[in-house]
Amino acid sequence: MKLQINGAEMEIPKTIKNITQLIDHLKLNSPVIIVEHNDVILPKEDLDDAMLTAGDKVEFVQFVGGG
């Protein structure tokens, strides 16, 4: 299935059904991550319920500490 992820079209296995599975698939393991799904910012508790369909737009913002 094709998704728009952070502005780039990506082919994702059809077994990936929700945002949580997509995060695991992409190995995004930041403790703080903001997810926007089809122009809606999702609370962390809604990631399992956010179902994916072909053509969806997903944006991830991760915060990285440094100094």
C-alpha atoms as a PDB file:
ATOM      1  CA  MET A   1       0.000   0.000   0.000  1.00  0.00           C
ATOM      2  CA  LYS A   2       1.321   3.458  -0.863  1.00  0.00           C
ATOM      3  CA  LEU A   3       1.394   6.155   1.816  1.00  0.00           C
ATOM      4  CA  GLN A   4       2.736   9.697   1.862  1.00  0.00           C
ATOM      5  CA  ILE A   5       5.183   9.710   4.800  1.00  0.00           C
ATOM      6  CA  ASN A   6       6.931  12.970   5.707  1.00  0.00           C
ATOM      7  CA  GLY A   7       6.391  14.217   2.168  1.00  0.00           C
ATOM      8  CA  ALA A   8       7.696  11.122   0.381  1.00  0.00           C
ATOM      9  CA  GLU A   9       5.651   8.354  -1.204  1.00  0.00           C
ATOM     10  CA  MET A  10       6.472   4.993   0.388  1.00  0.00           C
ATOM     11  CA  GLU A  11       5.291   1.470  -0.281  1.00  0.00           C
ATOM     12  CA  ILE A  12       4.275  -0.198   2.992  1.00  0.00           C
ATOM     13  CA  PRO A  13       3.285  -3.877   3.416  1.00  0.00           C
ATOM     14  CA  LYS A  14      -0.480  -4.398   3.482  1.00  0.00           C
ATOM     15  CA  THR A  15      -0.069  -6.122   6.844  1.00  0.00           C
ATOM     16  CA  ILE A  16       0.529  -2.677   8.407  1.00  0.00           C
ATOM     17  CA  LYS A  17      -2.976  -1.665   9.498  1.00  0.00           C
ATOM     18  CA  ASN A  18      -2.544   1.208  11.988  1.00  0.00           C
ATOM     19  CA  ILE A  19      -0.178   3.995  13.016  1.00  0.00           C
ATOM     20  CA  THR A  20       1.389   1.990  15.870  1.00  0.00           C
ATOM     21  CA  GLN A  21       2.319  -0.809  13.464  1.00  0.00           C
ATOM     22  CA  LEU A  22       3.715   1.770  11.023  1.00  0.00           C
ATOM     23  CA  ILE A  23       5.900   3.300  13.759  1.00  0.00           C
ATOM     24  CA  ASP A  24       7.237  -0.181  14.599  1.00  0.00           C
ATOM     25  CA  HIS A  25       7.793  -0.999  10.905  1.00  0.00           C
ATOM     26  CA  LEU A  26       9.758   2.226  10.365  1.00  0.00           C
ATOM     27  CA  LYS A  27      11.702   1.638  13.623  1.00  0.00           C
ATOM     28  CA  LEU A  28      10.815   5.058  14.999  1.00  0.00           C
ATOM     29  CA  ASN A  29      11.636   4.459  18.645  1.00  0.00           C
ATOM     30  CA  SER A  30      11.897   8.017  19.927  1.00  0.00           C
ATOM     31  CA  PRO A  31      10.247   8.418  23.354  1.00  0.00           C
ATOM     32  CA  VAL A  32       8.601  11.625  22.133  1.00  0.00           C
ATOM     33  CA  ILE A  33       6.966  11.494  18.710  1.00  0.00           C
ATOM     34  CA  ILE A  34       4.168  13.613  17.286  1.00  0.00           C
ATOM     35  CA  VAL A  35       1.986  12.014  14.604  1.00  0.00           C
ATOM     36  CA  GLU A  36      -0.190  13.833  12.086  1.00  0.00           C
ATOM     37  CA  HIS A  37      -2.518  11.559  10.097  1.00  0.00           C
ATOM     38  CA  ASN A  38      -4.336  13.150   7.157  1.00  0.00           C
ATOM     39  CA  ASP A  39      -3.782  16.653   8.607  1.00  0.00           C
ATOM     40  CA  VAL A  40      -5.011  15.702  12.117  1.00  0.00           C
ATOM     41  CA  ILE A  41      -2.588  15.559  15.059  1.00  0.00           C
ATOM     42  CA  LEU A  42      -3.225  12.338  16.975  1.00  0.00           C
ATOM     43  CA  PRO A  43      -2.981  11.893  20.743  1.00  0.00           C
ATOM     44  CA  LYS A  44      -0.667   9.022  21.670  1.00  0.00           C
ATOM     45  CA  GLU A  45      -3.588   6.984  23.036  1.00  0.00           C
ATOM     46  CA  ASP A  46      -5.295   7.045  19.592  1.00  0.00           C
ATOM     47  CA  LEU A  47      -2.406   5.584  17.559  1.00  0.00           C
ATOM     48  CA  ASP A  48      -3.697   1.981  17.769  1.00  0.00           C
ATOM     49  CA  ASP A  49      -7.121   3.086  16.519  1.00  0.00           C
ATOM     50  CA  ALA A  50      -5.843   5.197  13.596  1.00  0.00           C
ATOM     51  CA  MET A  51      -6.355   2.824  10.679  1.00  0.00           C
ATOM     52  CA  LEU A  52      -4.352   3.277   7.486  1.00  0.00           C
ATOM     53  CA  THR A  53      -5.634   3.168   3.915  1.00  0.00           C
ATOM     54  CA  ALA A  54      -3.801   3.620   0.619  1.00  0.00           C
ATOM     55  CA  GLY A  55      -3.003   7.243  -0.119  1.00  0.00           C
ATOM     56  CA  ASP A  56      -3.031   8.386   3.515  1.00  0.00           C
ATOM     57  CA  LYS A  57      -0.678  11.195   4.514  1.00  0.00           C
ATOM     58  CA  VAL A  58       1.361  10.638   7.681  1.00  0.00           C
ATOM     59  CA  GLU A  59       3.836  13.082   9.206  1.00  0.00           C
ATOM     60  CA  PHE A  60       6.173  12.194  12.079  1.00  0.00           C
ATOM     61  CA  VAL A  61       8.000  14.744  14.222  1.00  0.00           C
ATOM     62  CA  GLN A  62      10.609  13.426  16.645  1.00  0.00           C
ATOM     63  CA  PHE A  63      12.402  15.449  19.278  1.00  0.00           C
ATOM     64  CA  VAL A  64      16.093  14.830  19.766  1.00  0.00           C
ATOM     65  CA  GLY A  65      18.031  16.168  22.715  1.00  0.00           C
ATOM     66  CA  GLY A  66      21.482  17.571  22.372  1.00  0.00           C
ATOM     67  CA  GLY A  67      23.738  20.200  23.648  1.00  0.00           C
END
